[in-house]
Amino acid sequence: MKKAIMIIFALFIVVQFIRPTRQNAKVVENLQLKAKPEVMKVLKTSCYDCHSDQTVWPWYSQIAPFSWTIASHVEDGRASLNFSKWESYDENKKKKELKSIYKKVYAAMPLSSYTWIHKDAKLTKEQIKMIRDWTGVRR
């Protein structure tokens, strides 16, 4: 039993050297999303960690295997939608993204694995309505 624990501990130490990329690109001010302050507050609290180049990397994002999962979620989120590059999207993509934003926050975003730790990121009905109104999407 003691040998098994030592092997598991050694493996835990070794995997700490397998580091994902955890960085934020430089934010260009004129490419960022611009919205009313109350909308921006909700988006920054609930969406920006995965959907912008302004991710706040918590201490546990440096510990494997959490680091791999978090980095993967951020990479996928940015690839899907990046509020830091919003103004670089053409009008068709913006319209498509606005529709997608509302559908996703109504159904599944932010992820429960995120809101489990970030309680303030869980959207209220009022916040979802605010996002719906901002996007212009009607159910």
Protein backbone atom coordinates (compact mmCIF):
# COMPACT_ATOMS: atom_id res chain seq x y z
CA MET A 1 0.00 0.00 0.00
CA LYS A 2 2.80 2.42 0.91
CA LYS A 3 4.55 1.68 -2.40
CA ALA A 4 1.34 2.38 -4.35
CA ILE A 5 0.89 5.72 -2.61
CA MET A 6 4.50 6.65 -3.38
CA ILE A 7 4.03 5.73 -7.07
CA ILE A 8 0.82 7.79 -7.28
CA PHE A 9 2.56 10.74 -5.60
CA ALA A 10 5.54 10.44 -7.98
CA LEU A 11 3.20 10.38 -10.99
CA PHE A 12 1.38 13.44 -9.65
CA ILE A 13 4.72 15.27 -9.43
CA VAL A 14 5.76 14.18 -12.93
CA VAL A 15 2.51 15.35 -14.56
CA GLN A 16 3.07 18.82 -13.13
CA PHE A 17 5.79 19.25 -15.76
CA ILE A 18 3.26 18.76 -18.58
CA ARG A 19 2.19 22.39 -18.83
CA PRO A 20 -0.55 23.67 -21.12
CA THR A 21 -0.33 27.13 -22.65
CA ARG A 22 -1.96 29.60 -20.27
CA GLN A 23 -1.65 33.03 -21.69
CA ASN A 24 -3.70 36.01 -22.71
CA ALA A 25 -3.10 37.71 -26.03
CA LYS A 26 -2.62 41.44 -25.92
CA VAL A 27 -6.02 43.12 -26.01
CA VAL A 28 -6.47 45.72 -28.73
CA GLU A 29 -8.94 48.27 -27.35
CA ASN A 30 -10.75 49.04 -30.61
CA LEU A 31 -11.40 45.33 -31.30
CA GLN A 32 -13.14 44.63 -27.98
CA LEU A 33 -16.87 44.27 -27.57
CA LYS A 34 -18.60 47.48 -26.60
CA ALA A 35 -21.94 47.25 -24.81
CA LYS A 36 -23.85 49.00 -22.05
CA PRO A 37 -22.03 48.87 -18.69
CA GLU A 38 -24.61 46.57 -17.08
CA VAL A 39 -24.30 44.08 -19.97
CA MET A 40 -20.51 44.27 -19.85
CA LYS A 41 -20.56 43.57 -16.12
CA VAL A 42 -22.58 40.38 -16.62
CA LEU A 43 -20.45 39.24 -19.56
CA LYS A 44 -17.20 39.93 -17.72
CA THR A 45 -18.40 38.06 -14.63
CA SER A 46 -19.90 35.08 -16.42
CA CYS A 47 -18.23 34.80 -19.83
CA TYR A 48 -14.90 36.56 -20.15
CA ASP A 49 -12.70 33.95 -18.46
CA CYS A 50 -13.34 31.58 -21.37
CA HIS A 51 -14.48 33.94 -24.13
CA SER A 52 -11.90 36.71 -24.12
CA ASP A 53 -8.18 37.38 -23.97
CA GLN A 54 -8.70 38.67 -20.42
CA THR A 55 -8.83 35.32 -18.65
CA VAL A 56 -8.13 35.41 -14.95
CA TRP A 57 -6.06 32.28 -14.35
CA PRO A 58 -6.74 31.06 -10.79
CA TRP A 59 -4.05 29.35 -8.73
CA TYR A 60 -5.53 25.89 -9.36
CA SER A 61 -5.13 26.41 -13.12
CA GLN A 62 -1.45 25.64 -12.53
CA ILE A 63 -2.05 22.19 -11.06
CA ALA A 64 -2.42 19.18 -13.36
CA PRO A 65 -4.84 17.73 -14.28
CA PHE A 66 -6.99 20.84 -13.60
CA SER A 67 -4.60 22.94 -15.68
CA TRP A 68 -5.25 20.79 -18.76
CA THR A 69 -9.03 20.98 -18.42
CA ILE A 70 -9.11 24.71 -17.75
CA ALA A 71 -6.70 25.53 -20.58
CA SER A 72 -8.74 23.35 -22.94
CA HIS A 73 -12.01 25.06 -21.94
CA VAL A 74 -10.47 28.51 -22.46
CA GLU A 75 -8.98 27.50 -25.82
CA ASP A 76 -12.32 26.09 -27.00
CA GLY A 77 -14.21 29.11 -25.66
CA ARG A 78 -11.96 31.60 -27.41
CA ALA A 79 -12.12 29.63 -30.66
CA SER A 80 -15.92 29.68 -30.49
CA LEU A 81 -16.28 33.35 -29.50
CA ASN A 82 -13.76 35.92 -28.36
CA PHE A 83 -15.18 39.19 -27.01
CA SER A 84 -11.68 40.69 -27.17
CA LYS A 85 -11.83 40.38 -30.98
CA TRP A 86 -15.54 41.18 -31.46
CA GLU A 87 -15.00 44.16 -33.75
CA SER A 88 -12.88 42.04 -36.10
CA TYR A 89 -15.95 39.90 -36.89
CA ASP A 90 -17.97 40.77 -39.97
CA GLU A 91 -21.64 41.70 -39.56
CA ASN A 92 -22.90 38.23 -40.49
CA LYS A 93 -20.70 36.59 -37.87
CA LYS A 94 -21.79 39.14 -35.25
CA LYS A 95 -25.47 38.39 -35.96
CA LYS A 96 -24.82 34.66 -35.78
CA GLU A 97 -22.88 35.05 -32.52
CA LEU A 98 -25.57 37.23 -30.92
CA LYS A 99 -28.14 34.52 -31.64
CA SER A 100 -25.78 31.86 -30.31
CA ILE A 101 -24.99 33.86 -27.15
CA TYR A 102 -28.60 34.04 -26.13
CA LYS A 103 -29.31 30.39 -26.91
CA LYS A 104 -26.27 29.24 -24.97
CA VAL A 105 -26.83 31.34 -21.87
CA TYR A 106 -30.45 30.25 -21.86
CA ALA A 107 -29.53 26.56 -22.12
CA ALA A 108 -26.03 25.77 -20.91
CA MET A 109 -23.66 28.62 -20.26
CA PRO A 110 -21.71 29.27 -18.23
CA LEU A 111 -20.74 25.67 -17.67
CA SER A 112 -21.82 24.18 -14.36
CA SER A 113 -18.20 23.16 -13.72
CA TYR A 114 -17.36 26.88 -13.84
CA THR A 115 -20.27 28.13 -11.76
CA TRP A 116 -19.61 25.45 -9.16
CA ILE A 117 -16.48 27.40 -8.19
CA HIS A 118 -17.48 30.86 -9.47
CA LYS A 119 -20.89 31.24 -7.82
CA ASP A 120 -21.27 34.84 -8.97
CA ALA A 121 -21.04 33.71 -12.62
CA LYS A 122 -24.34 31.82 -12.47
CA LEU A 123 -26.84 33.86 -14.43
CA THR A 124 -30.13 34.93 -12.91
CA LYS A 125 -33.36 35.09 -14.92
CA GLU A 126 -33.01 38.87 -14.96
CA GLN A 127 -29.47 38.66 -16.34
CA ILE A 128 -30.55 36.19 -19.02
CA LYS A 129 -33.38 38.57 -19.98
CA MET A 130 -30.88 41.44 -20.11
CA ILE A 131 -28.66 39.41 -22.45
CA ARG A 132 -31.68 38.48 -24.58
CA ASP A 133 -32.64 42.14 -24.84
CA TRP A 134 -29.06 43.11 -25.69
CA THR A 135 -28.77 40.45 -28.39
CA GLY A 136 -32.15 41.34 -29.87
CA VAL A 137 -33.07 37.64 -30.02
CA ARG A 138 -36.62 36.58 -29.33
CA ARG A 139 -37.43 33.02 -28.36
